[in-house]
């Protein structure tokens, strides 16, 4: 879990969802005779549940650790030229790969 405080947008999303849930329950309880209002309240309740879930999950975003750094080791390949044939050889070579002469 993140120890960072939730942003204002996630709190607002949760509060809006809770408001819609309470509103839809009140419409169903207080206006039971109106079938259309009950149907609309069902969809408002679904939207409210989704907003509460989105607001609750908004604080769990994984953010990269600012202290971690990426290091990359680069190694330069040095080649030496043979004085007899002119071929390029690795710096660690003892003999030329082309003519076999001592470097």
N, C-alpha and C. Protein backbone atom coordinates (compact mmCIF):
# COMPACT_ATOMS: atom_id res chain seq x y z
N UNK A 1 0.83 -1.18 0.00
CA UNK A 1 0.00 0.00 0.00
C UNK A 1 0.87 1.24 0.00
N UNK A 2 0.34 2.27 -0.55
CA UNK A 2 1.06 3.53 -0.63
C UNK A 2 0.87 4.30 0.67
N UNK A 3 1.95 4.91 1.16
CA UNK A 3 1.86 5.71 2.37
C UNK A 3 1.59 7.17 2.05
N UNK A 4 1.48 7.50 0.77
CA UNK A 4 1.24 8.87 0.36
C UNK A 4 -0.24 9.19 0.53
N UNK A 5 -0.56 10.44 0.90
CA UNK A 5 -1.98 10.79 1.04
C UNK A 5 -2.69 10.79 -0.31
N UNK A 6 -3.98 10.50 -0.26
CA UNK A 6 -4.77 10.48 -1.49
C UNK A 6 -4.92 11.89 -2.04
N UNK A 7 -4.99 11.98 -3.34
CA UNK A 7 -5.17 13.28 -3.97
C UNK A 7 -6.61 13.73 -3.80
N UNK A 8 -6.83 15.01 -4.04
CA UNK A 8 -8.18 15.57 -3.88
C UNK A 8 -9.16 14.97 -4.88
N UNK A 9 -8.68 14.62 -6.07
CA UNK A 9 -9.60 14.07 -7.08
C UNK A 9 -10.12 12.70 -6.68
N UNK A 10 -9.28 11.87 -6.05
CA UNK A 10 -9.77 10.54 -5.64
C UNK A 10 -10.74 10.66 -4.48
N UNK A 11 -10.49 11.61 -3.57
CA UNK A 11 -11.43 11.82 -2.47
C UNK A 11 -12.77 12.33 -3.01
N UNK A 12 -12.70 13.25 -3.95
CA UNK A 12 -13.93 13.80 -4.52
C UNK A 12 -14.71 12.73 -5.27
N UNK A 13 -14.00 11.85 -5.96
CA UNK A 13 -14.66 10.76 -6.68
C UNK A 13 -15.38 9.84 -5.70
N UNK A 14 -14.73 9.52 -4.58
CA UNK A 14 -15.37 8.65 -3.58
C UNK A 14 -16.59 9.32 -2.97
N UNK A 15 -16.46 10.59 -2.62
CA UNK A 15 -17.60 11.30 -2.02
C UNK A 15 -18.76 11.42 -2.99
N UNK A 16 -18.47 11.65 -4.26
CA UNK A 16 -19.53 11.71 -5.27
C UNK A 16 -20.23 10.37 -5.39
N UNK A 17 -19.47 9.28 -5.36
CA UNK A 17 -20.06 7.95 -5.42
C UNK A 17 -20.94 7.66 -4.23
N UNK A 18 -20.48 8.04 -3.04
CA UNK A 18 -21.28 7.82 -1.83
C UNK A 18 -22.56 8.65 -1.89
N UNK A 19 -22.45 9.88 -2.37
CA UNK A 19 -23.65 10.73 -2.51
C UNK A 19 -24.66 10.08 -3.45
N UNK A 20 -24.19 9.57 -4.59
CA UNK A 20 -25.11 8.93 -5.54
C UNK A 20 -25.74 7.68 -4.96
N UNK A 21 -24.97 6.92 -4.18
CA UNK A 21 -25.54 5.73 -3.53
C UNK A 21 -26.65 6.12 -2.55
N UNK A 22 -26.36 7.10 -1.71
CA UNK A 22 -27.36 7.54 -0.72
C UNK A 22 -28.59 8.11 -1.43
N UNK A 23 -28.35 8.91 -2.46
CA UNK A 23 -29.46 9.50 -3.22
C UNK A 23 -30.35 8.42 -3.84
N UNK A 24 -29.74 7.41 -4.45
CA UNK A 24 -30.54 6.37 -5.09
C UNK A 24 -31.31 5.54 -4.08
N UNK A 25 -30.72 5.28 -2.92
CA UNK A 25 -31.44 4.53 -1.88
C UNK A 25 -32.61 5.36 -1.36
N UNK A 26 -32.39 6.66 -1.17
CA UNK A 26 -33.49 7.51 -0.71
C UNK A 26 -34.64 7.57 -1.73
N UNK A 27 -34.32 7.62 -3.01
CA UNK A 27 -35.37 7.65 -4.03
C UNK A 27 -36.18 6.36 -3.99
N UNK A 28 -35.51 5.22 -3.84
CA UNK A 28 -36.21 3.94 -3.79
C UNK A 28 -37.09 3.85 -2.55
N UNK A 29 -36.58 4.31 -1.41
CA UNK A 29 -37.33 4.20 -0.16
C UNK A 29 -38.50 5.19 -0.12
N UNK A 30 -38.27 6.43 -0.56
CA UNK A 30 -39.30 7.45 -0.42
C UNK A 30 -40.31 7.47 -1.56
N UNK A 31 -39.96 6.92 -2.71
CA UNK A 31 -40.86 6.98 -3.86
C UNK A 31 -41.06 5.57 -4.43
N UNK A 32 -41.67 4.70 -3.65
CA UNK A 32 -41.84 3.31 -4.06
C UNK A 32 -42.92 3.13 -5.11
N UNK A 33 -43.81 4.08 -5.27
CA UNK A 33 -44.91 3.94 -6.23
C UNK A 33 -44.46 4.22 -7.66
N UNK A 34 -43.41 4.97 -7.84
CA UNK A 34 -42.97 5.36 -9.18
C UNK A 34 -41.93 4.35 -9.68
N UNK A 35 -42.36 3.52 -10.64
CA UNK A 35 -41.48 2.47 -11.16
C UNK A 35 -40.33 3.06 -11.97
N UNK A 36 -40.58 4.15 -12.69
CA UNK A 36 -39.54 4.80 -13.49
C UNK A 36 -38.41 5.33 -12.59
N UNK A 37 -38.77 5.90 -11.44
CA UNK A 37 -37.77 6.43 -10.51
C UNK A 37 -36.92 5.30 -9.93
N UNK A 38 -37.54 4.15 -9.69
CA UNK A 38 -36.78 3.00 -9.17
C UNK A 38 -35.79 2.50 -10.21
N UNK A 39 -36.20 2.47 -11.48
CA UNK A 39 -35.30 2.05 -12.55
C UNK A 39 -34.12 2.99 -12.72
N UNK A 40 -34.41 4.29 -12.70
CA UNK A 40 -33.33 5.28 -12.81
C UNK A 40 -32.41 5.19 -11.59
N UNK A 41 -32.99 4.96 -10.41
CA UNK A 41 -32.18 4.85 -9.19
C UNK A 41 -31.23 3.67 -9.25
N UNK A 42 -31.66 2.59 -9.90
CA UNK A 42 -30.78 1.43 -10.04
C UNK A 42 -29.52 1.80 -10.82
N UNK A 43 -29.70 2.52 -11.93
CA UNK A 43 -28.53 2.91 -12.72
C UNK A 43 -27.67 3.94 -12.00
N UNK A 44 -28.31 4.83 -11.26
CA UNK A 44 -27.54 5.80 -10.46
C UNK A 44 -26.75 5.08 -9.39
N UNK A 45 -27.33 4.02 -8.81
CA UNK A 45 -26.63 3.24 -7.80
C UNK A 45 -25.42 2.54 -8.41
N UNK A 46 -25.57 2.00 -9.62
CA UNK A 46 -24.42 1.37 -10.28
C UNK A 46 -23.30 2.37 -10.54
N UNK A 47 -23.66 3.56 -10.98
CA UNK A 47 -22.66 4.60 -11.21
C UNK A 47 -21.99 4.98 -9.90
N UNK A 48 -22.77 5.08 -8.84
CA UNK A 48 -22.21 5.41 -7.52
C UNK A 48 -21.24 4.35 -7.03
N UNK A 49 -21.57 3.08 -7.23
CA UNK A 49 -20.67 1.99 -6.83
C UNK A 49 -19.37 2.07 -7.61
N UNK A 50 -19.48 2.34 -8.91
CA UNK A 50 -18.26 2.44 -9.73
C UNK A 50 -17.40 3.62 -9.28
N UNK A 51 -18.02 4.75 -8.97
CA UNK A 51 -17.24 5.91 -8.53
C UNK A 51 -16.55 5.66 -7.20
N UNK A 52 -17.23 4.98 -6.29
CA UNK A 52 -16.60 4.64 -5.00
C UNK A 52 -15.40 3.73 -5.23
N UNK A 53 -15.56 2.74 -6.11
CA UNK A 53 -14.44 1.82 -6.38
C UNK A 53 -13.28 2.54 -7.05
N UNK A 54 -13.56 3.41 -8.01
CA UNK A 54 -12.49 4.16 -8.68
C UNK A 54 -11.79 5.08 -7.69
N UNK A 55 -12.55 5.74 -6.84
CA UNK A 55 -11.95 6.61 -5.84
C UNK A 55 -11.11 5.86 -4.83
N UNK A 56 -11.57 4.66 -4.45
CA UNK A 56 -10.80 3.87 -3.48
C UNK A 56 -9.52 3.33 -4.09
N UNK A 57 -9.56 2.95 -5.35
CA UNK A 57 -8.36 2.40 -6.00
C UNK A 57 -7.41 3.49 -6.49
N UNK A 58 -7.84 4.73 -6.51
CA UNK A 58 -6.99 5.81 -7.00
C UNK A 58 -5.76 6.03 -6.14
N UNK A 59 -5.82 5.71 -4.87
CA UNK A 59 -4.67 5.89 -3.98
C UNK A 59 -3.65 4.79 -4.06
N UNK A 60 -3.95 3.71 -4.78
CA UNK A 60 -3.04 2.57 -4.83
C UNK A 60 -2.20 2.54 -6.09
N UNK A 61 -2.05 3.67 -6.76
CA UNK A 61 -1.23 3.69 -7.97
C UNK A 61 0.23 3.49 -7.58
N UNK A 62 0.88 2.62 -8.30
CA UNK A 62 2.29 2.35 -8.02
C UNK A 62 3.12 3.42 -8.70
N UNK A 63 3.86 4.16 -7.89
CA UNK A 63 4.70 5.21 -8.41
C UNK A 63 6.16 4.78 -8.30
N UNK A 64 6.96 5.11 -9.28
CA UNK A 64 8.36 4.71 -9.22
C UNK A 64 9.09 5.40 -8.07
N UNK A 65 10.02 4.67 -7.48
CA UNK A 65 10.81 5.19 -6.39
C UNK A 65 11.80 6.22 -6.93
N UNK A 66 11.75 7.47 -6.44
CA UNK A 66 12.64 8.49 -7.02
C UNK A 66 14.10 8.28 -6.67
N UNK A 67 14.40 7.44 -5.67
CA UNK A 67 15.79 7.24 -5.28
C UNK A 67 16.49 6.20 -6.14
N UNK A 68 15.72 5.37 -6.83
CA UNK A 68 16.36 4.33 -7.64
C UNK A 68 16.93 4.94 -8.91
N UNK A 69 18.13 4.52 -9.24
CA UNK A 69 18.78 5.02 -10.46
C UNK A 69 19.21 3.83 -11.30
N UNK A 70 19.34 4.09 -12.56
CA UNK A 70 19.76 3.05 -13.50
C UNK A 70 21.19 3.34 -13.91
N UNK A 71 22.07 2.39 -13.66
CA UNK A 71 23.47 2.58 -14.06
C UNK A 71 23.81 1.57 -15.14
N UNK A 72 24.59 2.00 -16.06
CA UNK A 72 25.00 1.15 -17.16
C UNK A 72 26.51 1.28 -17.33
N UNK A 73 27.17 0.14 -17.34
CA UNK A 73 28.62 0.14 -17.47
C UNK A 73 28.97 -0.05 -18.94
N UNK A 74 29.70 0.90 -19.46
CA UNK A 74 30.14 0.82 -20.85
C UNK A 74 31.64 0.53 -20.86
N UNK A 75 32.03 -0.40 -21.69
CA UNK A 75 33.44 -0.74 -21.79
C UNK A 75 33.87 -0.51 -23.23
N UNK A 76 34.96 0.20 -23.37
CA UNK A 76 35.46 0.52 -24.69
C UNK A 76 36.40 -0.59 -25.15
N UNK A 77 36.24 -1.02 -26.38
CA UNK A 77 37.10 -2.07 -26.94
C UNK A 77 38.26 -1.38 -27.65
N UNK A 78 39.47 -1.68 -27.18
CA UNK A 78 40.67 -1.08 -27.75
C UNK A 78 41.36 -2.12 -28.62
N UNK A 79 41.69 -1.73 -29.84
CA UNK A 79 42.40 -2.63 -30.75
C UNK A 79 43.74 -2.01 -31.11
N UNK A 80 44.72 -2.88 -31.29
CA UNK A 80 46.06 -2.43 -31.70
C UNK A 80 46.36 -2.99 -33.08
N UNK A 81 47.14 -2.24 -33.83
CA UNK A 81 47.49 -2.64 -35.19
C UNK A 81 48.81 -3.40 -35.17
N UNK A 82 48.84 -4.51 -35.90
CA UNK A 82 50.07 -5.31 -36.04
C UNK A 82 51.08 -4.52 -36.87
N UNK A 83 52.34 -4.45 -36.39
CA UNK A 83 53.34 -3.67 -37.12
C UNK A 83 53.88 -4.40 -38.34
N UNK A 84 53.55 -5.70 -38.49
CA UNK A 84 54.04 -6.46 -39.64
C UNK A 84 53.01 -6.51 -40.77
N UNK A 85 51.75 -6.81 -40.43
CA UNK A 85 50.74 -6.95 -41.50
C UNK A 85 49.68 -5.85 -41.47
N UNK A 86 49.56 -5.11 -40.36
CA UNK A 86 48.58 -4.03 -40.27
C UNK A 86 47.19 -4.46 -39.83
N UNK A 87 47.00 -5.71 -39.45
CA UNK A 87 45.68 -6.19 -39.01
C UNK A 87 45.37 -5.66 -37.61
N UNK A 88 44.08 -5.43 -37.34
CA UNK A 88 43.66 -4.98 -36.01
C UNK A 88 43.44 -6.18 -35.10
N UNK A 89 43.98 -6.09 -33.88
CA UNK A 89 43.88 -7.15 -32.89
C UNK A 89 43.42 -6.56 -31.56
N UNK A 90 42.84 -7.39 -30.72
CA UNK A 90 42.44 -6.93 -29.39
C UNK A 90 43.67 -6.54 -28.59
N UNK A 91 43.47 -5.63 -27.65
CA UNK A 91 44.57 -5.12 -26.83
C UNK A 91 45.21 -6.23 -25.99
N UNK A 92 44.43 -7.22 -25.60
CA UNK A 92 44.94 -8.30 -24.74
C UNK A 92 45.61 -9.42 -25.52
N UNK A 93 45.58 -9.37 -26.84
CA UNK A 93 46.18 -10.44 -27.66
C UNK A 93 47.70 -10.40 -27.56
N UNK A 94 48.29 -11.60 -27.53
CA UNK A 94 49.75 -11.71 -27.50
C UNK A 94 50.31 -11.83 -28.91
N UNK A 95 49.53 -12.49 -29.79
CA UNK A 95 49.98 -12.70 -31.16
C UNK A 95 48.94 -12.14 -32.12
N UNK A 96 49.38 -11.79 -33.32
CA UNK A 96 48.49 -11.27 -34.35
C UNK A 96 47.57 -12.38 -34.84
N UNK A 97 46.30 -12.05 -35.00
CA UNK A 97 45.33 -13.04 -35.47
C UNK A 97 45.48 -13.31 -36.97
N UNK A 98 46.16 -12.44 -37.69
CA UNK A 98 46.31 -12.59 -39.14
C UNK A 98 47.62 -13.31 -39.50
N UNK A 99 48.76 -12.77 -38.98
CA UNK A 99 50.05 -13.34 -39.39
C UNK A 99 50.74 -14.14 -38.28
N UNK A 100 50.29 -14.05 -37.04
CA UNK A 100 50.87 -14.81 -35.94
C UNK A 100 52.09 -14.16 -35.32
N UNK A 101 52.45 -12.95 -35.73
CA UNK A 101 53.63 -12.28 -35.18
C UNK A 101 53.35 -11.80 -33.76
N UNK A 102 54.42 -11.65 -32.97
CA UNK A 102 54.31 -11.17 -31.59
C UNK A 102 53.98 -9.68 -31.60
N UNK A 103 52.96 -9.30 -30.84
CA UNK A 103 52.55 -7.89 -30.82
C UNK A 103 53.35 -7.09 -29.82
